[in-house]
Amino acid sequence: MGNPIKSIKTWFFELIEDAVGVRAMKQFKSEEGKQIQSKNEIKKK
């Protein structure tokens, strides 16, 4: 069985995509990825 938290997160993001549109979610995910990458770079220092 897969990770239930990941399943819920996937379902939640798909629900939001339906509500606000795919383009807005792509931008959100891109910004979220940049934020995570920035945090990782800070931890390395």
PDB file of N, CA and C in Angstrom:
ATOM      1  N   MET A   1       0.843  -1.186   0.000  1.00  0.00           N
ATOM      2  CA  MET A   1       0.000   0.000   0.000  1.00  0.00           C
ATOM      3  C   MET A   1       0.883   1.241   0.000  1.00  0.00           C
ATOM      4  N   GLY A   2       0.472   2.246  -0.750  1.00  0.00           N
ATOM      5  CA  GLY A   2       1.244   3.482  -0.854  1.00  0.00           C
ATOM      6  C   GLY A   2       1.107   4.356   0.380  1.00  0.00           C
ATOM      7  N   ASN A   3       1.845   5.412   0.372  1.00  0.00           N
ATOM      8  CA  ASN A   3       1.829   6.372   1.470  1.00  0.00           C
ATOM      9  C   ASN A   3       0.488   7.105   1.474  1.00  0.00           C
ATOM     10  N   PRO A   4      -0.316   6.990   2.549  1.00  0.00           N
ATOM     11  CA  PRO A   4      -1.638   7.632   2.563  1.00  0.00           C
ATOM     12  C   PRO A   4      -1.564   9.155   2.541  1.00  0.00           C
ATOM     13  N   ILE A   5      -0.533   9.736   3.126  1.00  0.00           N
ATOM     14  CA  ILE A   5      -0.406  11.192   3.122  1.00  0.00           C
ATOM     15  C   ILE A   5      -0.171  11.688   1.701  1.00  0.00           C
ATOM     16  N   LYS A   6       0.664  10.975   0.948  1.00  0.00           N
ATOM     17  CA  LYS A   6       0.925  11.358  -0.439  1.00  0.00           C
ATOM     18  C   LYS A   6      -0.351  11.239  -1.267  1.00  0.00           C
ATOM     19  N   SER A   7      -1.144  10.216  -1.017  1.00  0.00           N
ATOM     20  CA  SER A   7      -2.405  10.047  -1.741  1.00  0.00           C
ATOM     21  C   SER A   7      -3.359  11.193  -1.459  1.00  0.00           C
ATOM     22  N   ILE A   8      -3.437  11.592  -0.203  1.00  0.00           N
ATOM     23  CA  ILE A   8      -4.315  12.705   0.173  1.00  0.00           C
ATOM     24  C   ILE A   8      -3.816  13.998  -0.447  1.00  0.00           C
ATOM     25  N   LYS A   9      -2.499  14.212  -0.418  1.00  0.00           N
ATOM     26  CA  LYS A   9      -1.919  15.431  -0.998  1.00  0.00           C
ATOM     27  C   LYS A   9      -2.189  15.483  -2.493  1.00  0.00           C
ATOM     28  N   THR A  10      -2.023  14.374  -3.178  1.00  0.00           N
ATOM     29  CA  THR A  10      -2.284  14.314  -4.613  1.00  0.00           C
ATOM     30  C   THR A  10      -3.749  14.631  -4.898  1.00  0.00           C
ATOM     31  N   TRP A  11      -4.645  14.009  -4.134  1.00  0.00           N
ATOM     32  CA  TRP A  11      -6.078  14.250  -4.304  1.00  0.00           C
ATOM     33  C   TRP A  11      -6.401  15.722  -4.074  1.00  0.00           C
ATOM     34  N   PHE A  12      -5.822  16.303  -3.027  1.00  0.00           N
ATOM     35  CA  PHE A  12      -6.072  17.700  -2.684  1.00  0.00           C
ATOM     36  C   PHE A  12      -5.618  18.626  -3.811  1.00  0.00           C
ATOM     37  N   PHE A  13      -4.421  18.400  -4.354  1.00  0.00           N
ATOM     38  CA  PHE A  13      -3.929  19.246  -5.432  1.00  0.00           C
ATOM     39  C   PHE A  13      -4.762  19.081  -6.696  1.00  0.00           C
ATOM     40  N   GLU A  14      -5.234  17.875  -6.969  1.00  0.00           N
ATOM     41  CA  GLU A  14      -6.101  17.677  -8.136  1.00  0.00           C
ATOM     42  C   GLU A  14      -7.419  18.412  -7.956  1.00  0.00           C
ATOM     43  N   LEU A  15      -7.938  18.423  -6.748  1.00  0.00           N
ATOM     44  CA  LEU A  15      -9.169  19.142  -6.452  1.00  0.00           C
ATOM     45  C   LEU A  15      -8.983  20.641  -6.681  1.00  0.00           C
ATOM     46  N   ILE A  16      -7.859  21.174  -6.219  1.00  0.00           N
ATOM     47  CA  ILE A  16      -7.569  22.603  -6.401  1.00  0.00           C
ATOM     48  C   ILE A  16      -7.366  22.919  -7.877  1.00  0.00           C
ATOM     49  N   GLU A  17      -6.693  22.027  -8.606  1.00  0.00           N
ATOM     50  CA  GLU A  17      -6.500  22.235 -10.044  1.00  0.00           C
ATOM     51  C   GLU A  17      -7.834  22.392 -10.744  1.00  0.00           C
ATOM     52  N   ASP A  18      -8.803  21.573 -10.371  1.00  0.00           N
ATOM     53  CA  ASP A  18     -10.125  21.669 -10.976  1.00  0.00           C
ATOM     54  C   ASP A  18     -10.782  23.004 -10.646  1.00  0.00           C
ATOM     55  N   ALA A  19     -10.533  23.523  -9.453  1.00  0.00           N
ATOM     56  CA  ALA A  19     -11.178  24.749  -9.013  1.00  0.00           C
ATOM     57  C   ALA A  19     -10.529  25.999  -9.610  1.00  0.00           C
ATOM     58  N   VAL A  20      -9.194  26.064  -9.633  1.00  0.00           N
ATOM     59  CA  VAL A  20      -8.519  27.297 -10.048  1.00  0.00           C
ATOM     60  C   VAL A  20      -7.863  27.207 -11.420  1.00  0.00           C
ATOM     61  N   GLY A  21      -7.772  26.033 -11.938  1.00  0.00           N
ATOM     62  CA  GLY A  21      -7.187  25.880 -13.263  1.00  0.00           C
ATOM     63  C   GLY A  21      -5.783  25.317 -13.211  1.00  0.00           C
ATOM     64  N   VAL A  22      -5.428  24.632 -14.269  1.00  0.00           N
ATOM     65  CA  VAL A  22      -4.139  23.957 -14.365  1.00  0.00           C
ATOM     66  C   VAL A  22      -2.987  24.965 -14.407  1.00  0.00           C
ATOM     67  N   ARG A  23      -3.173  26.062 -15.103  1.00  0.00           N
ATOM     68  CA  ARG A  23      -2.090  27.042 -15.246  1.00  0.00           C
ATOM     69  C   ARG A  23      -1.683  27.619 -13.885  1.00  0.00           C
ATOM     70  N   ALA A  24      -2.663  27.956 -13.059  1.00  0.00           N
ATOM     71  CA  ALA A  24      -2.361  28.507 -11.737  1.00  0.00           C
ATOM     72  C   ALA A  24      -1.651  27.474 -10.870  1.00  0.00           C
ATOM     73  N   MET A  25      -2.037  26.220 -10.971  1.00  0.00           N
ATOM     74  CA  MET A  25      -1.395  25.174 -10.160  1.00  0.00           C
ATOM     75  C   MET A  25       0.033  24.921 -10.626  1.00  0.00           C
ATOM     76  N   LYS A  26       0.287  24.984 -11.920  1.00  0.00           N
ATOM     77  CA  LYS A  26       1.658  24.816 -12.413  1.00  0.00           C
ATOM     78  C   LYS A  26       2.553  25.914 -11.855  1.00  0.00           C
ATOM     79  N   GLN A  27       2.034  27.143 -11.836  1.00  0.00           N
ATOM     80  CA  GLN A  27       2.808  28.255 -11.305  1.00  0.00           C
ATOM     81  C   GLN A  27       3.054  28.048  -9.809  1.00  0.00           C
ATOM     82  N   PHE A  28       2.032  27.609  -9.082  1.00  0.00           N
ATOM     83  CA  PHE A  28       2.176  27.365  -7.643  1.00  0.00           C
ATOM     84  C   PHE A  28       3.221  26.288  -7.376  1.00  0.00           C
ATOM     85  N   LYS A  29       3.144  25.187  -8.107  1.00  0.00           N
ATOM     86  CA  LYS A  29       4.099  24.093  -7.913  1.00  0.00           C
ATOM     87  C   LYS A  29       5.518  24.538  -8.250  1.00  0.00           C
ATOM     88  N   SER A  30       5.661  25.366  -9.280  1.00  0.00           N
ATOM     89  CA  SER A  30       6.973  25.883  -9.653  1.00  0.00           C
ATOM     90  C   SER A  30       7.542  26.744  -8.530  1.00  0.00           C
ATOM     91  N   GLU A  31       6.717  27.624  -7.990  1.00  0.00           N
ATOM     92  CA  GLU A  31       7.167  28.485  -6.899  1.00  0.00           C
ATOM     93  C   GLU A  31       7.471  27.678  -5.645  1.00  0.00           C
ATOM     94  N   GLU A  32       6.663  26.653  -5.383  1.00  0.00           N
ATOM     95  CA  GLU A  32       6.900  25.786  -4.231  1.00  0.00           C
ATOM     96  C   GLU A  32       8.234  25.054  -4.392  1.00  0.00           C
ATOM     97  N   GLY A  33       8.534  24.586  -5.610  1.00  0.00           N
ATOM     98  CA  GLY A  33       9.797  23.906  -5.874  1.00  0.00           C
ATOM     99  C   GLY A  33      10.986  24.826  -5.670  1.00  0.00           C
ATOM    100  N   LYS A  34      10.862  26.063  -6.107  1.00  0.00           N
ATOM    101  CA  LYS A  34      11.936  27.039  -5.910  1.00  0.00           C
ATOM    102  C   LYS A  34      12.157  27.298  -4.421  1.00  0.00           C
ATOM    103  N   GLN A  35      11.075  27.366  -3.672  1.00  0.00           N
ATOM    104  CA  GLN A  35      11.169  27.623  -2.234  1.00  0.00           C
ATOM    105  C   GLN A  35      11.858  26.458  -1.528  1.00  0.00           C
ATOM    106  N   ILE A  36      11.536  25.248  -1.894  1.00  0.00           N
ATOM    107  CA  ILE A  36      12.161  24.067  -1.295  1.00  0.00           C
ATOM    108  C   ILE A  36      13.643  24.027  -1.654  1.00  0.00           C
ATOM    109  N   GLN A  37      13.961  24.333  -2.907  1.00  0.00           N
ATOM    110  CA  GLN A  37      15.359  24.347  -3.349  1.00  0.00           C
ATOM    111  C   GLN A  37      16.143  25.399  -2.588  1.00  0.00           C
ATOM    112  N   SER A  38      15.546  26.550  -2.356  1.00  0.00           N
ATOM    113  CA  SER A  38      16.199  27.619  -1.608  1.00  0.00           C
ATOM    114  C   SER A  38      16.474  27.181  -0.175  1.00  0.00           C
ATOM    115  N   LYS A  39      15.514  26.510   0.449  1.00  0.00           N
ATOM    116  CA  LYS A  39      15.697  26.035   1.813  1.00  0.00           C
ATOM    117  C   LYS A  39      16.813  25.002   1.881  1.00  0.00           C
ATOM    118  N   ASN A  40      16.885  24.126   0.879  1.00  0.00           N
ATOM    119  CA  ASN A  40      17.925  23.108   0.843  1.00  0.00           C
ATOM    120  C   ASN A  40      19.308  23.739   0.699  1.00  0.00           C
ATOM    121  N   GLU A  41      19.407  24.794  -0.106  1.00  0.00           N
ATOM    122  CA  GLU A  41      20.686  25.473  -0.292  1.00  0.00           C
ATOM    123  C   GLU A  41      21.125  26.141   1.008  1.00  0.00           C
ATOM    124  N   ILE A  42      20.175  26.693   1.745  1.00  0.00           N
ATOM    125  CA  ILE A  42      20.498  27.339   3.028  1.00  0.00           C
ATOM    126  C   ILE A  42      21.000  26.307   4.033  1.00  0.00           C
ATOM    127  N   LYS A  43      20.370  25.129   4.054  1.00  0.00           N
ATOM    128  CA  LYS A  43      20.786  24.061   4.984  1.00  0.00           C
ATOM    129  C   LYS A  43      22.192  23.579   4.694  1.00  0.00           C
ATOM    130  N   LYS A  44      22.609  23.600   3.426  1.00  0.00           N
ATOM    131  CA  LYS A  44      23.943  23.128   3.047  1.00  0.00           C
ATOM    132  C   LYS A  44      25.048  24.028   3.563  1.00  0.00           C
ATOM    133  N   LYS A  45      24.723  25.305   3.794  1.00  0.00           N
ATOM    134  CA  LYS A  45      25.741  26.266   4.224  1.00  0.00           C
ATOM    135  C   LYS A  45      26.083  26.143   5.667  1.00  0.00           C
TER     136      LYS A  45
END
